[in-house]
Amino acid sequence: MSDGPQPILGVKGLTKRFDVSKPRIVRLVSGEPRRIVHAVEDVSFDIIQGTTFALVGESGCGKSTIARCLAGILRPTSGAIVFMDTELGATRSRRAALPFKRNLQMIFQDPYSSLNPRWRVGRTIAEPIITHALLVGRRQIEERTAELLCLVGLTPADARKFPHQFSGGQRQRISIARALASEPALVICDEPTSALDVSVQAQILNLMRQLQERLGLTYLLITHNLAVVANMADTIAVMYLGRIVECGPAQGIIDRPSHPYTRLLLDTVPDIDFARRPREPIKGEVPSPISPPPGCVFHPRCKLANERCTRELPRLREAADGRAVACHAVEEGRALALVGLAPDQPEKRAG
């Protein structure tokens, strides 16, 4: 066994497909084929305990589908999920899965829709404590609820209020308190700041960092905002149309992206230090996940694509700097022409 840090979560070959076909009798009459949405295809990654792992990509690339598979909301079509040295099989009973659900919690994108509007905040936060029998007795539960509210920057008196009495940022703090109530080992953060104002986003991100340092939390951060990733993530996995196209240390990818899609994503981030730097917008539309293109799924929008890219699917290949890239242009050295750099020349980019 390796002496280095061990992963708390391991995902191997995760695939999730949705059958959106019309009823069989209709297809028999009309002659239409089955329609399958390829939401996630053969995704593998590990998350080291105490770190932040970020899944990044455009809307519809499969990030949230992965999160829901990990949380048990969706059943994977195939693949393995190993959490805390135990494989989470699709046939695991609800009772047997309770210890793992306690250690794996989720913060959703819209804090208002994820909170029961008829429950007072105190009951919402106390629910995981009661469900997992972490404390016994009304007084102990109320004291723990008050402690969690203070932990996220609210007051014990807020336990008596309803969600509609809070602002968006305060509701997200309540969602964080509820996620922490079961004392989880891993927290899945599905676009936790995208529904908030910019000033409030910074407050929530600072709170998440402080809680991670104080409680030793592990985060799976799902976002399309690379500015969030730059300040939060230790490792980045960039997704496109259900597949990981680049994965590695966050700072290395931000300073020197390898995959053409990663570079185009970074060009969309405003940067005052490089305001006059020429930027190239991402052209074209994301192909339909019902009929993904053959070969590299990014080739219809990539200016470096050649004949090989249109027929052969690139595999994630390990590089010397600890990252993995799925790109024929990178493998063949053609991607260097995109930035005009020698292989050993660093690129100056804002952090």
Protein backbone atom coordinates (compact mmCIF):
# COMPACT_ATOMS: atom_id res chain seq x y z
CA MET A 1 0.00 0.00 0.00
CA SER A 2 1.20 3.50 -0.84
CA ASP A 3 2.43 5.70 2.00
CA GLY A 4 0.95 8.80 0.33
CA PRO A 5 -2.50 10.30 0.91
CA GLN A 6 -5.30 7.82 0.30
CA PRO A 7 -8.48 8.66 -1.63
CA ILE A 8 -11.69 8.94 0.35
CA LEU A 9 -13.69 8.47 -2.87
CA GLY A 10 -12.79 6.52 -5.98
CA VAL A 11 -14.83 6.53 -9.19
CA LYS A 12 -13.99 3.93 -11.83
CA GLY A 13 -15.57 3.87 -15.28
CA LEU A 14 -18.76 5.64 -14.19
CA THR A 15 -21.36 5.70 -16.96
CA LYS A 16 -24.91 7.03 -16.83
CA ARG A 17 -27.35 6.88 -19.74
CA PHE A 18 -31.00 7.89 -19.90
CA ASP A 19 -33.53 6.20 -22.17
CA VAL A 20 -35.71 8.99 -23.60
CA SER A 21 -37.28 6.86 -26.31
CA LYS A 22 -40.95 6.98 -27.13
CA PRO A 23 -43.10 4.02 -26.00
CA ARG A 24 -42.28 0.77 -27.75
CA ILE A 25 -45.60 0.53 -29.57
CA VAL A 26 -45.10 4.03 -31.00
CA ARG A 27 -41.59 3.13 -32.17
CA LEU A 28 -42.86 -0.05 -33.82
CA VAL A 29 -45.47 1.90 -35.78
CA SER A 30 -43.26 4.86 -36.71
CA GLY A 31 -40.01 2.95 -37.14
CA GLU A 32 -38.15 5.37 -34.89
CA PRO A 33 -35.02 4.05 -33.13
CA ARG A 34 -34.42 4.19 -29.39
CA ARG A 35 -33.04 7.50 -28.12
CA ILE A 36 -30.37 7.24 -25.45
CA VAL A 37 -28.85 10.28 -23.71
CA HIS A 38 -25.14 9.65 -23.03
CA ALA A 39 -24.95 11.86 -19.95
CA VAL A 40 -21.72 10.44 -18.45
CA GLU A 41 -19.31 8.13 -20.26
CA ASP A 42 -16.50 6.17 -18.62
CA VAL A 43 -15.47 8.74 -15.99
CA SER A 44 -12.78 7.86 -13.44
CA PHE A 45 -11.18 9.95 -10.70
CA ASP A 46 -10.04 9.86 -7.07
CA ILE A 47 -10.61 12.45 -4.33
CA ILE A 48 -7.97 12.70 -1.60
CA GLN A 49 -9.23 13.27 1.92
CA GLY A 50 -9.07 16.89 3.11
CA THR A 51 -8.81 18.36 -0.41
CA THR A 52 -11.15 20.05 -2.88
CA PHE A 53 -11.76 18.28 -6.19
CA ALA A 54 -13.48 20.41 -8.84
CA LEU A 55 -15.53 19.21 -11.81
CA VAL A 56 -15.65 22.01 -14.39
CA GLY A 57 -17.46 22.40 -17.67
CA GLU A 58 -20.32 23.96 -19.58
CA SER A 59 -23.93 23.30 -18.64
CA GLY A 60 -25.05 19.86 -19.76
CA CYS A 61 -21.61 18.25 -19.65
CA GLY A 62 -22.61 15.73 -16.96
CA LYS A 63 -21.24 17.32 -13.78
CA SER A 64 -24.47 17.27 -11.80
CA THR A 65 -25.33 13.79 -13.06
CA ILE A 66 -22.10 12.52 -11.53
CA ALA A 67 -22.96 14.26 -8.25
CA ARG A 68 -26.37 12.63 -8.14
CA CYS A 69 -24.89 9.22 -8.86
CA LEU A 70 -22.43 9.65 -6.00
CA ALA A 71 -25.17 10.80 -3.64
CA GLY A 72 -27.38 7.83 -4.50
CA ILE A 73 -30.08 9.97 -6.14
CA LEU A 74 -29.41 8.28 -9.51
CA ARG A 75 -28.33 4.71 -10.17
CA PRO A 76 -25.29 4.45 -12.49
CA THR A 77 -25.66 2.47 -15.70
CA SER A 78 -22.22 0.96 -15.07
CA GLY A 79 -19.00 1.60 -13.19
CA ALA A 80 -17.90 1.45 -9.57
CA ILE A 81 -18.02 3.98 -6.74
CA VAL A 82 -15.79 3.28 -3.74
CA PHE A 83 -16.41 5.52 -0.73
CA MET A 84 -14.38 5.14 2.47
CA ASP A 85 -13.03 1.75 1.30
CA THR A 86 -16.50 0.35 0.60
CA GLU A 87 -18.07 -0.09 -2.83
CA LEU A 88 -21.50 1.50 -3.00
CA GLY A 89 -23.43 -1.08 -5.00
CA ALA A 90 -26.74 -0.34 -6.64
CA THR A 91 -28.39 -3.19 -4.72
CA ARG A 92 -27.43 -1.86 -1.25
CA SER A 93 -30.50 -1.58 0.98
CA ARG A 94 -31.62 1.75 2.36
CA ARG A 95 -30.80 0.72 5.93
CA ALA A 96 -27.32 -0.53 5.00
CA ALA A 97 -26.60 2.70 3.12
CA LEU A 98 -27.38 4.99 6.08
CA PRO A 99 -23.79 5.12 7.45
CA PHE A 100 -22.50 6.16 4.05
CA LYS A 101 -25.26 8.72 3.51
CA ARG A 102 -24.32 10.26 6.85
CA ASN A 103 -20.74 10.70 5.68
CA LEU A 104 -21.69 12.04 2.26
CA GLN A 105 -23.83 15.17 2.14
CA MET A 106 -24.78 17.61 -0.59
CA ILE A 107 -25.18 21.38 -0.98
CA PHE A 108 -27.50 22.23 -3.87
CA GLN A 109 -27.45 25.09 -6.36
CA ASP A 110 -30.69 26.81 -5.34
CA PRO A 111 -30.79 27.18 -1.55
CA TYR A 112 -34.49 28.06 -1.45
CA SER A 113 -35.76 25.05 -3.43
CA SER A 114 -33.60 22.71 -1.33
CA LEU A 115 -35.23 23.88 1.93
CA ASN A 116 -38.71 22.85 3.05
CA PRO A 117 -40.68 26.14 3.16
CA ARG A 118 -43.04 24.73 5.81
CA TRP A 119 -40.30 23.77 8.25
CA ARG A 120 -38.60 26.14 10.61
CA VAL A 121 -34.84 26.33 10.16
CA GLY A 122 -34.18 24.53 13.43
CA ARG A 123 -36.16 21.49 12.30
CA THR A 124 -34.42 21.48 8.91
CA ILE A 125 -30.95 21.43 10.48
CA ALA A 126 -31.96 18.91 13.16
CA GLU A 127 -33.38 16.40 10.68
CA PRO A 128 -30.00 14.70 9.85
CA ILE A 129 -29.14 14.56 13.55
CA ILE A 130 -32.42 12.77 14.31
CA THR A 131 -32.31 10.53 11.24
CA HIS A 132 -28.84 9.20 12.04
CA ALA A 133 -29.41 9.16 15.82
CA LEU A 134 -26.35 11.29 16.48
CA LEU A 135 -27.85 12.85 19.61
CA VAL A 136 -30.67 11.88 21.95
CA GLY A 137 -32.85 14.36 23.76
CA ARG A 138 -34.51 17.57 22.63
CA ARG A 139 -32.16 19.84 24.58
CA GLN A 140 -29.01 18.29 23.10
CA ILE A 141 -30.40 18.54 19.59
CA GLU A 142 -31.37 22.18 20.07
CA GLU A 143 -27.91 23.00 21.46
CA ARG A 144 -26.25 21.31 18.47
CA THR A 145 -28.56 23.17 16.07
CA ALA A 146 -27.64 26.49 17.68
CA GLU A 147 -23.95 25.58 17.45
CA LEU A 148 -24.27 24.84 13.74
CA LEU A 149 -26.07 28.11 13.09
CA CYS A 150 -23.28 30.03 14.82
CA LEU A 151 -20.71 28.03 12.85
CA VAL A 152 -22.09 29.33 9.54
CA GLY A 153 -22.46 32.93 10.71
CA LEU A 154 -26.09 32.96 11.83
CA THR A 155 -27.63 33.20 15.32
CA PRO A 156 -29.44 30.63 17.50
CA ALA A 157 -32.58 32.77 17.25
CA ASP A 158 -32.73 32.05 13.51
CA ALA A 159 -33.78 28.48 14.31
CA ARG A 160 -37.33 29.72 14.90
CA LYS A 161 -37.65 31.38 11.49
CA PHE A 162 -38.81 30.03 8.11
CA PRO A 163 -36.66 29.99 4.92
CA HIS A 164 -38.61 32.83 3.27
CA GLN A 165 -37.44 35.17 6.03
CA PHE A 166 -33.81 34.95 4.89
CA SER A 167 -31.79 36.31 1.98
CA GLY A 168 -30.26 34.03 -0.65
CA GLY A 169 -26.86 34.02 1.01
CA GLN A 170 -28.36 33.27 4.41
CA ARG A 171 -30.37 30.39 2.95
CA GLN A 172 -27.18 28.90 1.54
CA ARG A 173 -25.61 29.18 4.99
CA ILE A 174 -28.57 27.22 6.33
CA SER A 175 -28.01 24.59 3.63
CA ILE A 176 -24.36 24.34 4.66
CA ALA A 177 -25.36 23.97 8.32
CA ARG A 178 -27.76 21.18 7.40
CA ALA A 179 -25.06 19.41 5.38
CA LEU A 180 -22.65 19.63 8.34
CA ALA A 181 -25.24 18.39 10.86
CA SER A 182 -24.43 14.73 10.18
CA GLU A 183 -20.68 15.38 10.54
CA PRO A 184 -19.88 14.17 6.99
CA ALA A 185 -16.51 13.18 5.60
CA LEU A 186 -17.33 14.38 2.06
CA VAL A 187 -19.54 17.28 0.96
CA ILE A 188 -20.71 17.53 -2.65
CA CYS A 189 -21.16 21.20 -3.60
CA ASP A 190 -23.28 21.46 -6.76
CA GLU A 191 -22.86 25.03 -8.03
CA PRO A 192 -23.15 26.37 -4.46
CA THR A 193 -22.76 30.06 -5.44
CA SER A 194 -24.20 30.38 -8.95
CA ALA A 195 -27.64 31.50 -7.69
CA LEU A 196 -26.15 34.20 -5.45
CA ASP A 197 -25.00 37.80 -5.97
CA VAL A 198 -21.29 38.27 -6.66
CA SER A 199 -20.59 39.89 -3.27
CA VAL A 200 -22.43 37.08 -1.47
CA GLN A 201 -20.56 34.44 -3.50
CA ALA A 202 -17.27 35.56 -1.99
CA GLN A 203 -18.70 35.33 1.52
CA ILE A 204 -19.96 31.78 0.98
CA LEU A 205 -16.67 30.66 -0.57
CA ASN A 206 -14.70 32.14 2.33
CA LEU A 207 -17.02 30.35 4.75
CA MET A 208 -16.51 27.04 2.94
CA ARG A 209 -12.72 27.43 3.08
CA GLN A 210 -12.81 28.26 6.78
CA LEU A 211 -15.01 25.26 7.54
CA GLN A 212 -12.72 22.99 5.54
CA GLU A 213 -9.68 24.11 7.52
CA ARG A 214 -11.51 23.89 10.86
CA LEU A 215 -13.32 20.57 10.34
CA GLY A 216 -11.01 18.81 7.87
CA LEU A 217 -13.74 18.54 5.23
CA THR A 218 -13.37 17.08 1.76
CA TYR A 219 -15.21 18.85 -1.06
CA LEU A 220 -16.37 17.76 -4.48
CA LEU A 221 -16.98 21.17 -6.08
CA ILE A 222 -19.12 21.29 -9.22
CA THR A 223 -19.02 24.58 -11.10
CA HIS A 224 -18.72 26.28 -14.46
CA ASN A 225 -17.04 29.31 -12.88
CA LEU A 226 -13.27 28.97 -13.20
CA ALA A 227 -12.76 31.98 -10.92
CA VAL A 228 -14.27 29.88 -8.13
CA VAL A 229 -12.00 26.96 -9.02
CA ALA A 230 -8.88 29.10 -8.88
CA ASN A 231 -9.51 29.99 -5.25
CA MET A 232 -10.95 26.73 -3.97
CA ALA A 233 -9.68 23.64 -5.78
CA ASP A 234 -6.62 21.46 -5.25
CA THR A 235 -7.43 19.27 -8.28
CA ILE A 236 -9.44 20.06 -11.42
CA ALA A 237 -11.20 17.73 -13.83
CA VAL A 238 -12.50 19.46 -16.96
CA MET A 239 -15.54 17.78 -18.53
CA TYR A 240 -17.00 18.03 -22.00
CA LEU A 241 -20.07 16.14 -23.22
CA GLY A 242 -19.93 13.55 -20.46
CA ARG A 243 -16.19 12.85 -20.55
CA ILE A 244 -13.16 14.16 -18.67
CA VAL A 245 -10.79 15.80 -21.15
CA GLU A 246 -8.16 17.08 -18.70
CA CYS A 247 -7.42 16.40 -15.03
CA GLY A 248 -4.62 17.40 -12.70
CA PRO A 249 -3.35 19.88 -10.09
CA ALA A 250 -5.47 23.03 -10.15
CA GLN A 251 -2.66 25.57 -10.33
CA GLY A 252 -0.91 23.72 -13.14
CA ILE A 253 -4.05 23.59 -15.27
CA ILE A 254 -4.91 27.24 -14.63
CA ASP A 255 -1.35 28.44 -15.35
CA ARG A 256 -0.81 26.23 -18.39
CA PRO A 257 -3.89 24.43 -19.78
CA SER A 258 -3.15 21.63 -22.24
CA HIS A 259 -6.48 20.69 -23.79
CA PRO A 260 -7.89 23.20 -26.34
CA TYR A 261 -11.25 23.17 -24.55
CA THR A 262 -9.66 24.00 -21.19
CA ARG A 263 -7.87 26.94 -22.81
CA LEU A 264 -11.11 28.25 -24.31
CA LEU A 265 -12.84 27.97 -20.93
CA LEU A 266 -10.07 29.97 -19.28
CA ASP A 267 -10.35 32.64 -21.97
CA THR A 268 -13.90 33.33 -20.79
CA VAL A 269 -12.67 34.41 -17.32
CA PRO A 270 -12.22 38.22 -17.00
CA ASP A 271 -8.62 39.10 -16.12
CA ILE A 272 -7.66 42.72 -15.42
CA ASP A 273 -3.92 41.96 -15.77
CA PHE A 274 -4.45 40.63 -19.30
CA ALA A 275 -7.26 42.91 -20.45
CA ARG A 276 -5.69 43.46 -23.88
CA ARG A 277 -4.76 39.82 -24.44
CA PRO A 278 -6.51 38.47 -27.56
CA ARG A 279 -9.25 36.02 -26.64
CA GLU A 280 -11.05 33.52 -28.80
CA PRO A 281 -14.69 32.72 -27.93
CA ILE A 282 -15.90 29.13 -27.98
CA LYS A 283 -17.56 28.67 -31.35
CA GLY A 284 -20.43 26.39 -32.28
CA GLU A 285 -22.91 24.51 -30.13
CA VAL A 286 -22.36 21.54 -27.86
CA PRO A 287 -23.34 18.40 -29.83
CA SER A 288 -26.40 16.48 -28.71
CA PRO A 289 -25.65 13.84 -26.04
CA ILE A 290 -28.22 11.65 -27.81
CA SER A 291 -25.94 11.36 -30.85
CA PRO A 292 -22.41 12.37 -29.77
CA PRO A 293 -19.91 12.81 -32.60
CA PRO A 294 -17.51 9.95 -33.37
CA GLY A 295 -13.90 10.21 -32.31
CA CYS A 296 -13.07 13.13 -30.05
CA VAL A 297 -16.33 14.67 -28.84
CA PHE A 298 -14.79 18.16 -29.02
CA HIS A 299 -13.55 17.91 -32.63
CA PRO A 300 -16.54 19.76 -34.24
CA ARG A 301 -15.53 22.90 -32.26
CA CYS A 302 -11.74 22.46 -32.22
CA LYS A 303 -9.54 24.28 -34.73
CA LEU A 304 -6.75 21.73 -34.19
CA ALA A 305 -8.90 18.74 -35.19
CA ASN A 306 -7.61 16.51 -37.97
CA GLU A 307 -8.80 13.28 -39.59
CA ARG A 308 -7.66 11.17 -36.64
CA CYS A 309 -9.73 13.30 -34.24
CA THR A 310 -12.89 12.59 -36.23
CA ARG A 311 -12.59 8.80 -36.00
CA GLU A 312 -10.51 7.83 -32.93
CA LEU A 313 -11.58 8.52 -29.35
CA PRO A 314 -8.65 9.97 -27.35
CA ARG A 315 -7.90 8.38 -23.98
CA LEU A 316 -6.70 10.15 -20.85
CA ARG A 317 -2.92 9.88 -20.90
CA GLU A 318 -0.72 10.64 -17.91
CA ALA A 319 1.79 13.48 -18.30
CA ALA A 320 4.99 14.21 -16.38
CA ASP A 321 3.49 17.12 -14.42
CA GLY A 322 0.83 14.96 -12.74
CA ARG A 323 -2.02 15.77 -15.09
CA ALA A 324 -3.87 13.59 -17.60
CA VAL A 325 -5.11 14.85 -20.97
CA ALA A 326 -7.37 13.25 -23.57
CA CYS A 327 -6.31 14.97 -26.80
CA HIS A 328 -4.63 13.74 -29.97
CA ALA A 329 -3.24 17.24 -30.64
CA VAL A 330 -1.52 17.27 -27.24
CA GLU A 331 -0.20 13.75 -27.74
CA GLU A 332 1.22 14.65 -31.16
CA GLY A 333 2.58 18.04 -30.04
CA ARG A 334 0.23 20.01 -32.29
CA ALA A 335 -1.43 21.80 -29.36
CA LEU A 336 1.74 23.83 -28.74
CA ALA A 337 0.93 25.81 -31.86
CA LEU A 338 -2.17 27.06 -30.10
CA VAL A 339 -0.07 29.12 -27.71
CA GLY A 340 3.19 29.38 -29.61
CA LEU A 341 5.30 27.97 -26.78
CA ALA A 342 8.10 25.47 -26.59
CA PRO A 343 7.36 22.32 -24.54
CA ASP A 344 9.38 23.53 -21.54
CA GLN A 345 8.39 27.22 -21.70
CA PRO A 346 5.91 28.32 -18.99
CA GLU A 347 2.93 30.45 -19.87
CA LYS A 348 2.31 33.61 -17.88
CA ARG A 349 -1.29 33.66 -16.72
CA ALA A 350 -3.11 35.35 -13.92
CA GLY A 351 -3.75 33.19 -10.86
